[in-house]
């Protein structure tokens, strides 16, 4: 990063907050400070420190910790989360409600922002790869990071604009189809594997390793039927060869020594030791705390998002993942003892082990299972607490986790017809999570198990699309059009790049 003040043409892919989008450029002149723009030395090479650029690629992962934009497109459009409007709170011109109801359009601000954020990050990785003097390991790490960001563009929009660093501003970026983007991402990850450092447990990893690449490869091949289907909404045909790839890459992660945490919530604390494959080095899980807690709890939250009662009902009593009651509810006073883990339902308690009182109603604060999308009172909805406020300041935000790898392998076995092998994998995980073993396994049971293991971690939309339930009806949402499996390309992006075409239905 340099702090020089200079002028140059602006590219919207590199600047957030402009009323521009995609990779369009203008001749607007502006002064910038603390800029990470670098000048090309010709031939596609730029004069910059590759270590500094790579650090920026990692730090950019903080965008995933925000409750809006990227995260909201995954979580609020699924059946695991609902953003109720409470009087005038969380109205925001319907920006949250339209995600839950699947009524968004190309002008949605989160669609616009997420498009800019992700495509900007892909281009920043291109610049890292073009830096003079970049080492083989730095190249491998930058390729992983480009693949990670591009994966999300491909998944959310089904097409990926792409600009090389040596292309002039008068060149419209090419646009990769979903299949082309899939192949590009696979190529990046396979090329990266050779020079990435070995992965393995022993804390929280915030740099790319062979394990991170193998985990993302497993996710890609598990969803290959979705990303290469002739129609985005399916039907999807899962090939045994792809499932073999999932198993291969999942086994490679297991061979690196990862295992399931004995305490599920250690994954989301400084005590994480055996399961976290990749986490953001910057940003904080604090938004996951504030976005759901009531303002009369400690810490005072924004009284926002909750889960749905049907989602909560997927959990059996005794399953670790359902949660732990607060210490204050058991008579133990102390800072942050009023907040439990997992799903917070029923009477809530203050840190001094007395009942929490809702300051607006002057009644005991009791979270209820029922929650409407609009017109909700302050107590409606079961809250979710994976990252506990007692330690979120020392906790990294988890992006890739071994529990997901175990279930990806189980699903691949199931789709290959190995029901016994798939059931054994699932039940081994359930045993660690203190859940009773399942007696059989089908697609519905597999999707439910993924819900129990991965809730509020940003993968539910991907899972529901793969299992063809994403456009179905659920609480406070009617069945929706098939084209909603992709988001619309923002209107200004299309206006700025004629190679982009609007997705069907928008």
Protein backbone atom coordinates (compact mmCIF):
# COMPACT_ATOMS: atom_id res chain seq x y z
CA UNK A 1 0.00 0.00 0.00
CA UNK A 2 1.26 3.47 -0.76
CA UNK A 3 0.03 6.77 0.52
CA UNK A 4 0.81 8.86 -2.53
CA UNK A 5 -1.89 11.20 -3.76
CA UNK A 6 -2.36 10.98 -7.49
CA UNK A 7 -4.96 11.10 -10.23
CA UNK A 8 -5.88 8.45 -12.74
CA UNK A 9 -8.99 7.12 -14.53
CA UNK A 10 -11.32 5.31 -12.17
CA UNK A 11 -12.37 1.70 -12.56
CA UNK A 12 -15.46 0.75 -10.61
CA UNK A 13 -14.12 -2.74 -10.03
CA UNK A 14 -11.51 -1.18 -7.80
CA UNK A 15 -13.58 1.44 -6.02
CA UNK A 16 -16.45 0.76 -3.66
CA UNK A 17 -19.29 3.19 -3.20
CA UNK A 18 -19.40 4.67 -6.69
CA UNK A 19 -22.53 4.76 -8.80
CA UNK A 20 -20.65 2.56 -11.24
CA UNK A 21 -20.47 -1.18 -11.41
CA UNK A 22 -18.63 -4.12 -12.92
CA UNK A 23 -15.39 -3.28 -14.68
CA UNK A 24 -16.47 -0.16 -16.50
CA UNK A 25 -14.12 2.79 -16.51
CA UNK A 26 -14.63 6.48 -16.97
CA UNK A 27 -12.31 9.39 -17.60
CA UNK A 28 -13.31 10.91 -14.27
CA UNK A 29 -10.26 12.24 -12.45
CA UNK A 30 -10.12 11.92 -8.68
CA UNK A 31 -7.60 12.18 -5.90
CA UNK A 32 -7.06 9.11 -3.82
CA UNK A 33 -5.16 8.45 -0.63
CA UNK A 34 -3.89 5.17 0.78
CA UNK A 35 -4.55 3.62 -2.61
CA UNK A 36 -3.62 0.11 -3.63
CA UNK A 37 -3.51 0.92 -7.33
CA UNK A 38 -0.21 -0.02 -8.94
CA UNK A 39 1.21 0.85 -12.32
CA UNK A 40 1.94 -1.70 -15.02
CA UNK A 41 5.52 -2.07 -16.21
CA UNK A 42 4.30 -3.54 -19.47
CA UNK A 43 3.78 -7.09 -20.65
CA UNK A 44 1.19 -7.80 -17.99
CA UNK A 45 3.64 -7.32 -15.10
CA UNK A 46 3.05 -4.71 -12.41
CA UNK A 47 5.57 -3.01 -10.19
CA UNK A 48 4.44 -3.87 -6.66
CA UNK A 49 5.35 -6.03 -3.71
CA UNK A 50 3.55 -9.38 -4.19
CA UNK A 51 3.56 -10.05 -0.44
CA UNK A 52 1.74 -6.79 0.18
CA UNK A 53 -0.79 -7.48 -2.57
CA UNK A 54 -1.38 -11.01 -1.29
CA UNK A 55 -1.97 -9.65 2.20
CA UNK A 56 -4.70 -7.46 0.72
CA UNK A 57 -6.28 -10.53 -0.93
CA UNK A 58 -6.53 -12.20 2.47
CA UNK A 59 -7.67 -9.09 4.31
CA UNK A 60 -10.46 -8.67 1.75
CA UNK A 61 -12.13 -11.74 3.28
CA UNK A 62 -13.50 -9.39 5.92
CA UNK A 63 -16.34 -8.68 3.47
CA UNK A 64 -17.79 -12.09 4.38
CA UNK A 65 -18.16 -11.10 8.04
CA UNK A 66 -20.66 -8.31 7.34
CA UNK A 67 -24.32 -9.17 7.98
CA UNK A 68 -25.35 -7.54 4.67
CA UNK A 69 -24.23 -7.91 1.05
CA UNK A 70 -22.48 -11.26 0.38
CA UNK A 71 -23.64 -13.04 3.54
CA UNK A 72 -27.20 -11.80 3.18
CA UNK A 73 -27.54 -13.21 -0.34
CA UNK A 74 -26.73 -16.66 1.00
CA UNK A 75 -28.45 -16.70 4.39
CA UNK A 76 -31.57 -14.56 4.04
CA UNK A 77 -32.67 -16.25 0.82
CA UNK A 78 -32.65 -19.66 2.52
CA UNK A 79 -34.93 -21.38 5.05
CA UNK A 80 -32.48 -21.00 7.97
CA UNK A 81 -32.93 -17.28 8.64
CA UNK A 82 -35.64 -14.64 8.63
CA UNK A 83 -35.19 -10.84 8.90
CA UNK A 84 -38.41 -9.68 10.60
CA UNK A 85 -39.38 -6.04 10.46
CA UNK A 86 -40.16 -4.91 14.02
CA UNK A 87 -42.22 -1.73 13.81
CA UNK A 88 -39.88 0.61 11.98
CA UNK A 89 -36.81 -1.42 12.97
CA UNK A 90 -35.24 -3.38 10.11
CA UNK A 91 -37.66 -1.90 7.56
CA UNK A 92 -34.88 -0.46 5.40
CA UNK A 93 -37.19 -0.07 2.40
CA UNK A 94 -37.77 -3.82 2.33
CA UNK A 95 -34.18 -4.69 1.46
CA UNK A 96 -34.17 -7.62 3.93
CA UNK A 97 -37.76 -8.82 3.41
CA UNK A 98 -37.35 -9.13 -0.35
CA UNK A 99 -34.46 -11.54 0.14
CA UNK A 100 -36.57 -13.83 2.33
CA UNK A 101 -39.59 -13.61 0.02
CA UNK A 102 -37.49 -14.05 -3.15
CA UNK A 103 -38.85 -10.83 -4.66
CA UNK A 104 -35.53 -9.05 -5.29
CA UNK A 105 -34.82 -7.29 -8.58
CA UNK A 106 -31.71 -5.97 -10.40
CA UNK A 107 -31.74 -2.77 -8.34
CA UNK A 108 -31.36 -4.51 -4.97
CA UNK A 109 -28.56 -2.77 -3.09
CA UNK A 110 -27.06 -5.95 -1.60
CA UNK A 111 -26.95 -7.59 -5.04
CA UNK A 112 -25.17 -4.46 -6.32
CA UNK A 113 -22.71 -4.31 -3.43
CA UNK A 114 -21.89 -8.02 -3.40
CA UNK A 115 -21.27 -7.98 -7.17
CA UNK A 116 -18.83 -5.09 -6.77
CA UNK A 117 -17.10 -6.59 -3.74
CA UNK A 118 -16.50 -10.01 -5.25
CA UNK A 119 -15.49 -8.90 -8.74
CA UNK A 120 -13.17 -6.30 -7.23
CA UNK A 121 -11.48 -9.04 -5.24
CA UNK A 122 -11.04 -11.27 -8.30
CA UNK A 123 -9.31 -8.40 -10.09
CA UNK A 124 -7.08 -7.69 -7.09
CA UNK A 125 -5.94 -11.31 -7.20
CA UNK A 126 -5.14 -10.88 -10.91
CA UNK A 127 -2.91 -7.97 -9.95
CA UNK A 128 -1.15 -10.06 -7.34
CA UNK A 129 -0.47 -12.75 -9.91
CA UNK A 130 0.98 -10.13 -12.26
CA UNK A 131 3.40 -8.70 -9.68
CA UNK A 132 7.05 -8.90 -10.58
CA UNK A 133 9.12 -11.25 -8.45
CA UNK A 134 6.17 -13.29 -7.19
CA UNK A 135 7.28 -16.67 -5.79
CA UNK A 136 5.72 -20.04 -6.65
CA UNK A 137 4.03 -20.25 -3.22
CA UNK A 138 2.69 -16.71 -3.49
CA UNK A 139 1.37 -17.57 -6.94
CA UNK A 140 -0.37 -20.64 -5.55
CA UNK A 141 -1.93 -18.68 -2.69
CA UNK A 142 -3.14 -15.94 -5.04
CA UNK A 143 -4.65 -18.55 -7.36
CA UNK A 144 -6.52 -20.08 -4.45
CA UNK A 145 -7.82 -16.68 -3.41
CA UNK A 146 -8.89 -15.85 -6.97
CA UNK A 147 -10.67 -19.20 -7.16
CA UNK A 148 -12.39 -18.57 -3.83
CA UNK A 149 -13.75 -15.17 -4.85
CA UNK A 150 -14.63 -16.28 -8.38
CA UNK A 151 -16.48 -19.30 -6.98
CA UNK A 152 -18.93 -16.96 -5.25
CA UNK A 153 -19.49 -14.86 -8.39
CA UNK A 154 -20.16 -18.04 -10.38
CA UNK A 155 -22.45 -19.42 -7.72
CA UNK A 156 -24.54 -16.29 -7.19
CA UNK A 157 -24.83 -14.98 -10.77
CA UNK A 158 -23.89 -17.83 -13.11
CA UNK A 159 -21.50 -15.65 -15.15
CA UNK A 160 -18.17 -14.02 -14.34
CA UNK A 161 -16.71 -10.87 -15.94
CA UNK A 162 -12.94 -11.09 -16.26
CA UNK A 163 -10.29 -8.47 -17.00
CA UNK A 164 -6.54 -8.99 -17.24
CA UNK A 165 -4.37 -6.36 -15.58
CA UNK A 166 -2.78 -5.35 -18.90
CA UNK A 167 -6.10 -4.73 -20.69
CA UNK A 168 -6.90 -1.09 -21.33
CA UNK A 169 -9.95 0.65 -19.98
CA UNK A 170 -11.42 0.73 -23.49
CA UNK A 171 -11.63 -3.08 -23.54
CA UNK A 172 -14.90 -4.55 -22.33
CA UNK A 173 -14.18 -7.41 -19.93
CA UNK A 174 -14.84 -10.86 -21.28
CA UNK A 175 -17.60 -12.82 -19.57
CA UNK A 176 -17.13 -16.45 -18.61
CA UNK A 177 -20.18 -18.66 -18.73
CA UNK A 178 -20.89 -20.71 -15.64
CA UNK A 179 -19.27 -23.79 -17.18
CA UNK A 180 -16.24 -21.79 -18.31
CA UNK A 181 -15.91 -20.24 -14.86
CA UNK A 182 -16.14 -23.67 -13.25
CA UNK A 183 -13.31 -24.97 -15.46
CA UNK A 184 -11.24 -21.83 -14.76
CA UNK A 185 -11.62 -22.22 -11.00
CA UNK A 186 -10.76 -25.93 -11.12
CA UNK A 187 -7.65 -25.11 -13.15
CA UNK A 188 -6.54 -22.47 -10.64
CA UNK A 189 -6.98 -24.82 -7.69
CA UNK A 190 -5.28 -27.79 -9.34
CA UNK A 191 -2.35 -25.59 -10.36
CA UNK A 192 -2.13 -24.17 -6.84
CA UNK A 193 -1.98 -27.54 -5.09
CA UNK A 194 1.64 -28.21 -6.04
CA UNK A 195 3.09 -25.14 -4.35
CA UNK A 196 0.67 -24.54 -1.48
CA UNK A 197 2.00 -25.37 1.99
CA UNK A 198 0.71 -28.44 3.77
CA UNK A 199 -2.41 -28.01 5.85
CA UNK A 200 -3.34 -29.57 9.13
CA UNK A 201 -4.96 -28.95 12.50
CA UNK A 202 -3.43 -27.16 15.41
CA UNK A 203 -5.30 -23.90 15.53
CA UNK A 204 -6.95 -21.57 13.04
CA UNK A 205 -5.46 -21.28 9.56
CA UNK A 206 -5.79 -17.90 7.85
CA UNK A 207 -3.70 -18.62 4.75
CA UNK A 208 -4.28 -20.93 1.82
CA UNK A 209 -2.96 -24.48 2.18
CA UNK A 210 -3.37 -27.75 0.34
CA UNK A 211 -6.26 -28.47 2.70
CA UNK A 212 -8.12 -25.28 1.78
CA UNK A 213 -7.72 -26.05 -1.92
CA UNK A 214 -8.87 -29.66 -1.47
CA UNK A 215 -11.91 -28.51 0.52
CA UNK A 216 -12.96 -26.03 -2.16
CA UNK A 217 -12.37 -28.63 -4.87
CA UNK A 218 -14.66 -31.04 -3.01
CA UNK A 219 -17.37 -28.36 -2.83
CA UNK A 220 -17.00 -27.58 -6.53
CA UNK A 221 -17.32 -31.19 -7.67
CA UNK A 222 -20.24 -31.81 -5.32
CA UNK A 223 -22.04 -28.95 -7.08
CA UNK A 224 -20.72 -29.57 -10.59
CA UNK A 225 -24.11 -30.82 -11.75
CA UNK A 226 -25.56 -27.44 -10.75
CA UNK A 227 -22.83 -25.32 -12.31
CA UNK A 228 -22.78 -27.17 -15.64
CA UNK A 229 -26.53 -27.85 -16.06
CA UNK A 230 -28.12 -26.67 -19.30
CA UNK A 231 -30.60 -24.68 -17.21
CA UNK A 232 -29.58 -23.02 -13.93
CA UNK A 233 -32.69 -24.32 -12.18
CA UNK A 234 -32.03 -27.91 -13.25
CA UNK A 235 -32.79 -30.74 -13.40
CA UNK A 236 -29.35 -31.72 -12.12
CA UNK A 237 -27.66 -35.00 -13.00
CA UNK A 238 -24.94 -36.04 -10.55
CA UNK A 239 -22.15 -38.01 -12.22
CA UNK A 240 -20.37 -40.77 -10.33
CA UNK A 241 -17.01 -39.49 -11.57
CA UNK A 242 -17.70 -36.14 -9.92
CA UNK A 243 -18.67 -37.86 -6.70
CA UNK A 244 -15.41 -39.82 -6.83
CA UNK A 245 -13.60 -36.48 -7.01
CA UNK A 246 -15.49 -35.26 -3.93
CA UNK A 247 -14.45 -38.36 -2.02
CA UNK A 248 -10.85 -38.04 -3.25
CA UNK A 249 -10.51 -34.44 -2.11
CA UNK A 250 -12.35 -35.03 1.17
CA UNK A 251 -10.04 -37.96 1.94
CA UNK A 252 -7.04 -35.74 1.21
CA UNK A 253 -8.26 -33.27 3.85
CA UNK A 254 -8.78 -36.10 6.34
CA UNK A 255 -5.27 -37.36 5.61
CA UNK A 256 -3.94 -33.98 6.71
CA UNK A 257 -5.07 -34.86 10.24
CA UNK A 258 -8.29 -32.89 10.70
CA UNK A 259 -10.94 -34.30 13.02
CA UNK A 260 -14.22 -33.18 14.54
CA UNK A 261 -14.10 -31.07 17.68
CA UNK A 262 -15.42 -32.87 20.74
CA UNK A 263 -17.25 -29.65 21.69
CA UNK A 264 -19.08 -28.25 18.67
CA UNK A 265 -18.88 -24.65 19.88
CA UNK A 266 -15.10 -24.79 20.24
CA UNK A 267 -15.13 -24.32 16.46
CA UNK A 268 -16.35 -20.78 17.00
CA UNK A 269 -14.01 -19.83 19.81
CA UNK A 270 -10.29 -19.29 20.45
CA UNK A 271 -10.18 -22.95 21.53
CA UNK A 272 -10.61 -24.22 17.94
CA UNK A 273 -7.91 -26.85 17.41
CA UNK A 274 -8.81 -29.74 15.10
CA UNK A 275 -11.47 -28.66 12.61
CA UNK A 276 -10.95 -25.16 11.16
CA UNK A 277 -9.47 -25.38 7.66
CA UNK A 278 -9.67 -21.70 6.71
CA UNK A 279 -10.69 -18.51 8.47
CA UNK A 280 -10.60 -14.80 7.71
CA UNK A 281 -7.53 -13.06 9.14
CA UNK A 282 -9.48 -9.79 9.40
CA UNK A 283 -13.03 -8.88 10.26
CA UNK A 284 -14.75 -10.26 13.33
CA UNK A 285 -17.63 -12.58 14.17
CA UNK A 286 -19.12 -9.76 16.26
CA UNK A 287 -21.77 -9.02 13.61
CA UNK A 288 -23.11 -12.55 14.09
CA UNK A 289 -23.67 -11.63 17.75
CA UNK A 290 -25.10 -8.16 17.30
CA UNK A 291 -27.36 -8.97 14.36
CA UNK A 292 -29.48 -11.37 16.43
CA UNK A 293 -29.30 -10.41 20.14
CA UNK A 294 -31.99 -8.24 21.71
CA UNK A 295 -30.98 -4.71 22.71
CA UNK A 296 -31.66 -5.49 26.38
CA UNK A 297 -29.11 -8.30 26.42
CA UNK A 298 -25.38 -8.00 27.02
CA UNK A 299 -23.90 -7.11 24.64
CA UNK A 300 -26.76 -4.93 23.45
CA UNK A 301 -27.69 -6.25 20.03
CA UNK A 302 -29.63 -4.92 17.07
CA UNK A 303 -32.64 -7.22 17.72
CA UNK A 304 -32.62 -8.42 14.17
CA UNK A 305 -32.43 -11.84 12.61
CA UNK A 306 -33.86 -15.12 13.89
CA UNK A 307 -34.27 -18.65 12.70
CA UNK A 308 -37.59 -20.23 11.72
CA UNK A 309 -39.44 -22.64 13.97
CA UNK A 310 -39.46 -25.33 11.26
CA UNK A 311 -35.68 -25.07 11.03
CA UNK A 312 -35.30 -25.27 14.82
CA UNK A 313 -37.53 -28.36 14.88
CA UNK A 314 -34.94 -30.29 12.85
CA UNK A 315 -32.86 -30.65 16.04
CA UNK A 316 -33.39 -33.30 18.70
CA UNK A 317 -32.82 -32.68 22.39
CA UNK A 318 -29.30 -33.68 23.38
CA UNK A 319 -27.73 -32.75 20.05
CA UNK A 320 -24.81 -30.43 20.93
CA UNK A 321 -25.61 -28.31 17.92
CA UNK A 322 -29.01 -27.36 19.32
CA UNK A 323 -27.23 -25.35 21.97
CA UNK A 324 -26.36 -24.87 25.60
CA UNK A 325 -28.46 -22.85 28.08
CA UNK A 326 -26.93 -19.69 29.47
CA UNK A 327 -25.04 -19.95 32.73
CA UNK A 328 -27.24 -17.18 34.15
CA UNK A 329 -30.32 -19.33 33.58
CA UNK A 330 -28.64 -21.87 35.88
CA UNK A 331 -28.04 -19.25 38.57
CA UNK A 332 -24.41 -18.48 37.71
CA UNK A 333 -23.80 -14.73 37.43
CA UNK A 334 -20.98 -13.22 35.40
CA UNK A 335 -20.26 -11.04 32.39
CA UNK A 336 -21.95 -12.43 29.25
CA UNK A 337 -23.40 -15.33 31.28
CA UNK A 338 -26.85 -14.21 30.18
CA UNK A 339 -26.26 -15.47 26.66
CA UNK A 340 -26.42 -19.16 25.82
CA UNK A 341 -25.02 -20.99 22.79
CA UNK A 342 -26.83 -22.30 19.75
CA UNK A 343 -30.54 -21.51 19.65
CA UNK A 344 -31.83 -19.04 22.23
CA UNK A 345 -35.51 -19.67 23.00
CA UNK A 346 -37.81 -18.91 25.90
CA UNK A 347 -37.01 -16.79 28.94
CA UNK A 348 -33.75 -14.85 28.72
CA UNK A 349 -31.58 -13.93 31.69
CA UNK A 350 -29.31 -11.03 32.52
CA UNK A 351 -25.70 -11.42 33.59
CA UNK A 352 -26.74 -11.15 37.24
CA UNK A 353 -28.88 -14.30 36.81
CA UNK A 354 -32.19 -12.42 36.99
CA UNK A 355 -34.80 -12.40 34.26
CA UNK A 356 -34.14 -9.97 31.42
CA UNK A 357 -36.88 -7.37 31.06
CA UNK A 358 -37.82 -5.98 27.64
CA UNK A 359 -37.39 -2.23 28.11
CA UNK A 360 -40.09 -1.46 25.53
CA UNK A 361 -42.83 -3.70 26.93
CA UNK A 362 -41.64 -3.92 30.55
CA UNK A 363 -42.34 -7.64 30.36
CA UNK A 364 -39.94 -10.55 30.86
CA UNK A 365 -38.04 -11.12 27.61
CA UNK A 366 -39.07 -14.50 26.19
CA UNK A 367 -38.04 -15.45 22.66
CA UNK A 368 -40.91 -17.20 20.89
CA UNK A 369 -40.74 -19.76 18.06
CA UNK A 370 -43.26 -17.86 15.95
CA UNK A 371 -42.02 -14.86 13.97
CA UNK A 372 -43.73 -12.98 11.12
CA UNK A 373 -41.75 -11.37 8.32
CA UNK A 374 -43.45 -8.03 8.95
CA UNK A 375 -45.06 -6.57 12.08
CA UNK A 376 -43.00 -8.61 14.53
CA UNK A 377 -42.82 -7.54 18.16
CA UNK A 378 -39.50 -7.31 19.93
CA UNK A 379 -39.65 -10.82 21.42
CA UNK A 380 -40.49 -12.77 18.27
CA UNK A 381 -38.11 -15.34 16.90
CA UNK A 382 -35.49 -17.82 18.11
CA UNK A 383 -32.05 -16.24 18.15
CA UNK A 384 -28.86 -18.00 17.05
CA UNK A 385 -25.51 -17.76 18.83
CA UNK A 386 -22.55 -19.68 17.40
CA UNK A 387 -19.91 -17.08 18.24
CA UNK A 388 -20.34 -16.30 21.93
CA UNK A 389 -19.81 -12.67 23.05
CA UNK A 390 -17.47 -13.81 25.82
CA UNK A 391 -14.74 -14.54 23.29
CA UNK A 392 -15.62 -13.20 19.84
CA UNK A 393 -12.90 -10.57 20.12
CA UNK A 394 -10.29 -13.35 20.04
CA UNK A 395 -12.07 -15.56 17.51
CA UNK A 396 -11.54 -15.69 13.75
CA UNK A 397 -14.49 -15.94 11.38
CA UNK A 398 -14.71 -19.48 9.99
CA UNK A 399 -14.91 -19.96 6.21
CA UNK A 400 -14.08 -23.66 5.70
CA UNK A 401 -14.59 -26.35 8.33
CA UNK A 402 -14.03 -30.10 8.58
CA UNK A 403 -17.62 -30.90 9.54
CA UNK A 404 -18.60 -29.73 6.07
CA UNK A 405 -15.96 -31.99 4.51
CA UNK A 406 -17.32 -35.05 6.35
CA UNK A 407 -20.84 -34.38 5.10
CA UNK A 408 -19.68 -33.65 1.55
CA UNK A 409 -18.08 -37.08 1.44
CA UNK A 410 -21.22 -38.67 2.91
CA UNK A 411 -23.41 -37.00 0.29
CA UNK A 412 -21.09 -38.12 -2.51
CA UNK A 413 -21.32 -41.70 -1.26
CA UNK A 414 -25.11 -41.43 -1.08
CA UNK A 415 -25.37 -40.07 -4.62
CA UNK A 416 -23.19 -42.94 -5.84
CA UNK A 417 -25.60 -45.43 -4.31
CA UNK A 418 -23.46 -46.41 -1.31
CA UNK A 419 -26.20 -45.88 1.27
CA UNK A 420 -24.40 -47.86 3.97
CA UNK A 421 -21.16 -45.93 3.56
CA UNK A 422 -22.98 -42.60 3.58
CA UNK A 423 -24.98 -43.54 6.70
CA UNK A 424 -21.80 -44.60 8.51
CA UNK A 425 -20.17 -41.22 7.78
CA UNK A 426 -23.20 -39.29 8.97
CA UNK A 427 -23.64 -41.34 12.12
CA UNK A 428 -19.97 -41.02 13.01
CA UNK A 429 -20.42 -37.24 12.91
CA UNK A 430 -23.68 -37.43 14.85
CA UNK A 431 -21.99 -39.50 17.56
CA UNK A 432 -19.43 -36.74 18.14
CA UNK A 433 -22.28 -34.21 18.23
CA UNK A 434 -24.15 -36.34 20.84
CA UNK A 435 -27.05 -36.99 18.47
CA UNK A 436 -28.80 -40.33 18.12
CA UNK A 437 -27.80 -42.40 15.07
CA UNK A 438 -30.03 -42.34 12.02
CA UNK A 439 -31.47 -45.64 10.83
CA UNK A 440 -31.65 -44.67 7.17
CA UNK A 441 -30.55 -41.89 4.86
CA UNK A 442 -32.19 -40.26 1.87
CA UNK A 443 -31.87 -36.85 0.24
CA UNK A 444 -34.23 -35.17 2.70
CA UNK A 445 -32.35 -36.61 5.70
CA UNK A 446 -29.00 -35.60 4.22
CA UNK A 447 -30.16 -32.04 3.61
CA UNK A 448 -31.47 -31.87 7.19
CA UNK A 449 -28.15 -33.12 8.56
CA UNK A 450 -26.31 -30.44 6.63
CA UNK A 451 -28.74 -27.91 8.13
CA UNK A 452 -27.95 -29.10 11.65
CA UNK A 453 -24.18 -29.05 11.12
CA UNK A 454 -23.73 -25.90 9.01
CA UNK A 455 -26.50 -23.51 10.06
CA UNK A 456 -25.81 -19.79 9.63
CA UNK A 457 -22.38 -20.48 8.08
CA UNK A 458 -23.35 -19.21 4.63
CA UNK A 459 -23.84 -22.48 2.71
CA UNK A 460 -27.56 -23.18 3.12
CA UNK A 461 -28.57 -21.54 -0.18
CA UNK A 462 -26.00 -23.65 -2.04
CA UNK A 463 -27.33 -26.80 -0.38
CA UNK A 464 -30.98 -26.03 -1.06
CA UNK A 465 -30.31 -25.36 -4.73
CA UNK A 466 -28.38 -28.63 -5.08
CA UNK A 467 -31.25 -30.53 -3.43
CA UNK A 468 -33.87 -28.63 -5.50
CA UNK A 469 -35.71 -27.13 -2.52
CA UNK A 470 -34.61 -23.50 -2.87
CA UNK A 471 -37.71 -22.28 -4.71
CA UNK A 472 -40.13 -24.27 -2.53
CA UNK A 473 -42.45 -22.62 -0.01
CA UNK A 474 -41.50 -22.28 3.65
CA UNK A 475 -42.52 -20.11 6.58
CA UNK A 476 -43.32 -16.56 5.47
CA UNK A 477 -42.35 -17.43 1.86
CA UNK A 478 -44.44 -18.75 -1.01
CA UNK A 479 -43.05 -21.00 -3.68
CA UNK A 480 -41.06 -18.85 -6.08
CA UNK A 481 -40.02 -18.82 -9.73
CA UNK A 482 -37.34 -21.23 -10.91
CA UNK A 483 -35.06 -18.44 -12.11
CA UNK A 484 -34.48 -17.29 -8.51
CA UNK A 485 -31.65 -19.83 -8.22
CA UNK A 486 -29.52 -17.03 -9.73
CA UNK A 487 -29.42 -13.40 -8.76
CA UNK A 488 -29.87 -10.69 -11.39
CA UNK A 489 -26.80 -8.98 -12.76
CA UNK A 490 -27.02 -5.37 -11.51
CA UNK A 491 -28.50 -3.12 -14.14
CA UNK A 492 -25.56 -0.71 -14.12
CA UNK A 493 -23.13 -3.56 -14.71
CA UNK A 494 -24.98 -4.52 -17.89
CA UNK A 495 -25.09 -0.90 -19.00
CA UNK A 496 -21.32 -0.63 -18.58
CA UNK A 497 -20.32 -3.93 -20.22
CA UNK A 498 -22.21 -5.13 -23.33
CA UNK A 499 -20.71 -8.60 -22.91
CA UNK A 500 -22.90 -9.14 -19.84
CA UNK A 501 -26.42 -10.43 -20.39
CA UNK A 502 -29.20 -10.31 -17.82
CA UNK A 503 -30.08 -13.66 -16.28
CA UNK A 504 -33.36 -15.26 -17.33
CA UNK A 505 -36.47 -13.97 -15.60
CA UNK A 506 -35.18 -10.52 -14.66
